[in-house]
Amino acid sequence: MYQAFGNYLRTARRAKRLSQQEMADRLGVHVTVYAQYETGKALPFLPEVWQISRILDISADEMVRLAAVDKLHTRS
């Protein structure tokens, strides 16, 4: 699971006062897919990471770093 990544994403979205549906629409994915990003059940593909970073004005590097840290923690 990718909890740190999902929490970061959820916090940033809420700070911009966007709904999950609005984010899904902007990314061109179904709302259930976007919800899986925030719950840590799935990760977006790299092009979506860049889109998310632009929409939410957050660091794509930080999103990738958190995903990598989460991945390391699931291995141990």
N, C-alpha and C. Protein backbone atom coordinates (compact mmCIF):
# COMPACT_ATOMS: atom_id res chain seq x y z
N MET A 1 0.83 -1.18 0.00
CA MET A 1 0.00 0.00 0.00
C MET A 1 0.87 1.25 0.00
N TYR A 2 0.31 2.28 -0.47
CA TYR A 2 1.04 3.54 -0.64
C TYR A 2 0.38 4.64 0.21
N GLN A 3 0.41 4.45 1.53
CA GLN A 3 -0.30 5.33 2.45
C GLN A 3 0.25 6.76 2.45
N ALA A 4 1.56 6.92 2.54
CA ALA A 4 2.14 8.27 2.59
C ALA A 4 1.82 9.03 1.31
N PHE A 5 1.92 8.34 0.18
CA PHE A 5 1.60 8.96 -1.10
C PHE A 5 0.13 9.40 -1.11
N GLY A 6 -0.76 8.51 -0.73
CA GLY A 6 -2.19 8.81 -0.73
C GLY A 6 -2.56 9.95 0.20
N ASN A 7 -1.95 9.96 1.38
CA ASN A 7 -2.22 11.04 2.33
C ASN A 7 -1.75 12.39 1.81
N TYR A 8 -0.59 12.40 1.19
CA TYR A 8 -0.05 13.63 0.61
C TYR A 8 -0.99 14.15 -0.47
N LEU A 9 -1.44 13.26 -1.32
CA LEU A 9 -2.34 13.62 -2.41
C LEU A 9 -3.67 14.15 -1.87
N ARG A 10 -4.25 13.47 -0.91
CA ARG A 10 -5.53 13.88 -0.33
C ARG A 10 -5.42 15.26 0.32
N THR A 11 -4.36 15.47 1.08
CA THR A 11 -4.16 16.75 1.76
C THR A 11 -4.02 17.89 0.75
N ALA A 12 -3.27 17.65 -0.31
CA ALA A 12 -3.07 18.69 -1.34
C ALA A 12 -4.38 18.99 -2.08
N ARG A 13 -5.15 17.95 -2.37
CA ARG A 13 -6.43 18.16 -3.07
C ARG A 13 -7.38 18.96 -2.21
N ARG A 14 -7.48 18.60 -0.96
CA ARG A 14 -8.38 19.32 -0.05
C ARG A 14 -7.96 20.77 0.13
N ALA A 15 -6.66 21.01 0.15
CA ALA A 15 -6.16 22.39 0.27
C ALA A 15 -6.59 23.25 -0.92
N LYS A 16 -6.72 22.63 -2.08
CA LYS A 16 -7.17 23.33 -3.28
C LYS A 16 -8.70 23.34 -3.39
N ARG A 17 -9.36 22.72 -2.42
CA ARG A 17 -10.83 22.65 -2.38
C ARG A 17 -11.43 22.01 -3.64
N LEU A 18 -10.79 20.91 -4.04
CA LEU A 18 -11.27 20.14 -5.19
C LEU A 18 -11.84 18.82 -4.70
N SER A 19 -12.85 18.34 -5.37
CA SER A 19 -13.41 17.02 -5.04
C SER A 19 -12.62 15.94 -5.77
N GLN A 20 -12.81 14.71 -5.34
CA GLN A 20 -12.19 13.60 -6.05
C GLN A 20 -12.74 13.53 -7.48
N GLN A 21 -14.01 13.81 -7.66
CA GLN A 21 -14.62 13.79 -8.99
C GLN A 21 -13.97 14.84 -9.90
N GLU A 22 -13.73 16.04 -9.36
CA GLU A 22 -13.08 17.09 -10.16
C GLU A 22 -11.67 16.67 -10.57
N MET A 23 -10.94 16.06 -9.66
CA MET A 23 -9.60 15.59 -9.99
C MET A 23 -9.65 14.50 -11.05
N ALA A 24 -10.56 13.56 -10.87
CA ALA A 24 -10.69 12.47 -11.85
C ALA A 24 -11.03 13.03 -13.23
N ASP A 25 -11.94 13.99 -13.28
CA ASP A 25 -12.31 14.60 -14.57
C ASP A 25 -11.12 15.28 -15.23
N ARG A 26 -10.33 15.99 -14.44
CA ARG A 26 -9.16 16.69 -15.00
C ARG A 26 -8.10 15.72 -15.50
N LEU A 27 -8.01 14.56 -14.83
CA LEU A 27 -7.02 13.56 -15.22
C LEU A 27 -7.52 12.62 -16.31
N GLY A 28 -8.84 12.62 -16.52
CA GLY A 28 -9.41 11.73 -17.52
C GLY A 28 -9.49 10.29 -17.05
N VAL A 29 -9.68 10.11 -15.74
CA VAL A 29 -9.84 8.77 -15.18
C VAL A 29 -11.17 8.70 -14.44
N HIS A 30 -11.63 7.49 -14.16
CA HIS A 30 -12.86 7.31 -13.40
C HIS A 30 -12.59 7.69 -11.94
N VAL A 31 -13.59 8.20 -11.27
CA VAL A 31 -13.43 8.65 -9.88
C VAL A 31 -12.96 7.51 -8.97
N THR A 32 -13.36 6.28 -9.25
CA THR A 32 -12.90 5.17 -8.41
C THR A 32 -11.40 4.93 -8.56
N VAL A 33 -10.88 5.19 -9.75
CA VAL A 33 -9.43 5.06 -9.97
C VAL A 33 -8.71 6.13 -9.16
N TYR A 34 -9.21 7.36 -9.25
CA TYR A 34 -8.56 8.44 -8.49
C TYR A 34 -8.64 8.16 -6.98
N ALA A 35 -9.78 7.67 -6.52
CA ALA A 35 -9.94 7.36 -5.10
C ALA A 35 -8.91 6.32 -4.65
N GLN A 36 -8.58 5.40 -5.52
CA GLN A 36 -7.56 4.39 -5.18
C GLN A 36 -6.19 5.03 -5.00
N TYR A 37 -5.91 6.11 -5.71
CA TYR A 37 -4.64 6.82 -5.49
C TYR A 37 -4.60 7.37 -4.08
N GLU A 38 -5.70 7.96 -3.63
CA GLU A 38 -5.73 8.59 -2.32
C GLU A 38 -5.78 7.58 -1.18
N THR A 39 -6.31 6.41 -1.42
CA THR A 39 -6.35 5.39 -0.36
C THR A 39 -5.09 4.54 -0.35
N GLY A 40 -4.21 4.77 -1.31
CA GLY A 40 -2.95 4.04 -1.35
C GLY A 40 -3.06 2.67 -1.99
N LYS A 41 -4.18 2.39 -2.64
CA LYS A 41 -4.37 1.08 -3.28
C LYS A 41 -3.75 1.01 -4.67
N ALA A 42 -3.49 2.16 -5.26
CA ALA A 42 -2.91 2.20 -6.61
C ALA A 42 -2.09 3.47 -6.76
N LEU A 43 -1.20 3.44 -7.72
CA LEU A 43 -0.40 4.62 -8.05
C LEU A 43 -0.71 5.08 -9.47
N PRO A 44 -0.70 6.37 -9.69
CA PRO A 44 -0.91 6.87 -11.05
C PRO A 44 0.32 6.60 -11.90
N PHE A 45 0.11 6.53 -13.21
CA PHE A 45 1.24 6.44 -14.13
C PHE A 45 1.98 7.78 -14.12
N LEU A 46 3.23 7.76 -14.55
CA LEU A 46 4.06 8.96 -14.49
C LEU A 46 3.44 10.18 -15.18
N PRO A 47 2.84 10.05 -16.37
CA PRO A 47 2.21 11.24 -16.96
C PRO A 47 1.11 11.83 -16.07
N GLU A 48 0.39 10.97 -15.35
CA GLU A 48 -0.63 11.47 -14.42
C GLU A 48 0.00 12.16 -13.23
N VAL A 49 1.15 11.67 -12.78
CA VAL A 49 1.86 12.32 -11.67
C VAL A 49 2.18 13.76 -12.05
N TRP A 50 2.66 13.96 -13.27
CA TRP A 50 2.98 15.32 -13.72
C TRP A 50 1.72 16.18 -13.79
N GLN A 51 0.63 15.62 -14.28
CA GLN A 51 -0.63 16.37 -14.33
C GLN A 51 -1.10 16.74 -12.93
N ILE A 52 -1.05 15.79 -12.02
CA ILE A 52 -1.48 16.04 -10.64
C ILE A 52 -0.62 17.15 -10.03
N SER A 53 0.67 17.09 -10.26
CA SER A 53 1.56 18.11 -9.68
C SER A 53 1.21 19.50 -10.20
N ARG A 54 0.83 19.60 -11.45
CA ARG A 54 0.45 20.91 -12.01
C ARG A 54 -0.91 21.37 -11.48
N ILE A 55 -1.87 20.46 -11.41
CA ILE A 55 -3.21 20.81 -10.94
C ILE A 55 -3.18 21.27 -9.48
N LEU A 56 -2.44 20.53 -8.65
CA LEU A 56 -2.43 20.81 -7.21
C LEU A 56 -1.28 21.69 -6.77
N ASP A 57 -0.40 22.04 -7.71
CA ASP A 57 0.76 22.87 -7.41
C ASP A 57 1.61 22.24 -6.30
N ILE A 58 1.92 20.95 -6.52
CA ILE A 58 2.76 20.21 -5.58
C ILE A 58 3.93 19.60 -6.35
N SER A 59 4.89 19.10 -5.62
CA SER A 59 6.10 18.56 -6.22
C SER A 59 5.91 17.14 -6.74
N ALA A 60 6.15 16.95 -8.03
CA ALA A 60 6.12 15.60 -8.59
C ALA A 60 7.24 14.76 -7.99
N ASP A 61 8.38 15.38 -7.73
CA ASP A 61 9.50 14.67 -7.11
C ASP A 61 9.11 14.13 -5.74
N GLU A 62 8.37 14.93 -4.97
CA GLU A 62 7.94 14.48 -3.65
C GLU A 62 6.95 13.33 -3.75
N MET A 63 6.05 13.37 -4.72
CA MET A 63 5.12 12.26 -4.91
C MET A 63 5.86 10.97 -5.24
N VAL A 64 6.83 11.05 -6.12
CA VAL A 64 7.61 9.87 -6.51
C VAL A 64 8.41 9.36 -5.31
N ARG A 65 9.00 10.27 -4.55
CA ARG A 65 9.78 9.88 -3.37
C ARG A 65 8.89 9.14 -2.35
N LEU A 66 7.71 9.69 -2.10
CA LEU A 66 6.80 9.05 -1.14
C LEU A 66 6.37 7.66 -1.62
N ALA A 67 6.13 7.53 -2.90
CA ALA A 67 5.76 6.22 -3.45
C ALA A 67 6.90 5.22 -3.26
N ALA A 68 8.13 5.69 -3.46
CA ALA A 68 9.29 4.81 -3.30
C ALA A 68 9.47 4.41 -1.84
N VAL A 69 9.29 5.35 -0.93
CA VAL A 69 9.39 5.05 0.50
C VAL A 69 8.31 4.06 0.91
N ASP A 70 7.09 4.29 0.44
CA ASP A 70 6.00 3.35 0.74
C ASP A 70 6.34 1.95 0.23
N LYS A 71 6.90 1.87 -0.96
CA LYS A 71 7.25 0.58 -1.56
C LYS A 71 8.29 -0.14 -0.71
N LEU A 72 9.27 0.61 -0.22
CA LEU A 72 10.30 0.02 0.63
C LEU A 72 9.70 -0.52 1.93
N HIS A 73 8.75 0.20 2.51
CA HIS A 73 8.14 -0.23 3.76
C HIS A 73 7.26 -1.47 3.57
N THR A 74 6.69 -1.65 2.40
CA THR A 74 5.85 -2.83 2.18
C THR A 74 6.70 -4.08 1.97
N ARG A 75 7.96 -3.91 1.63
CA ARG A 75 8.85 -5.06 1.44
C ARG A 75 9.32 -5.64 2.76
N SER A 76 9.44 -4.79 3.80
CA SER A 76 9.98 -5.27 5.07
C SER A 76 8.95 -5.95 5.94
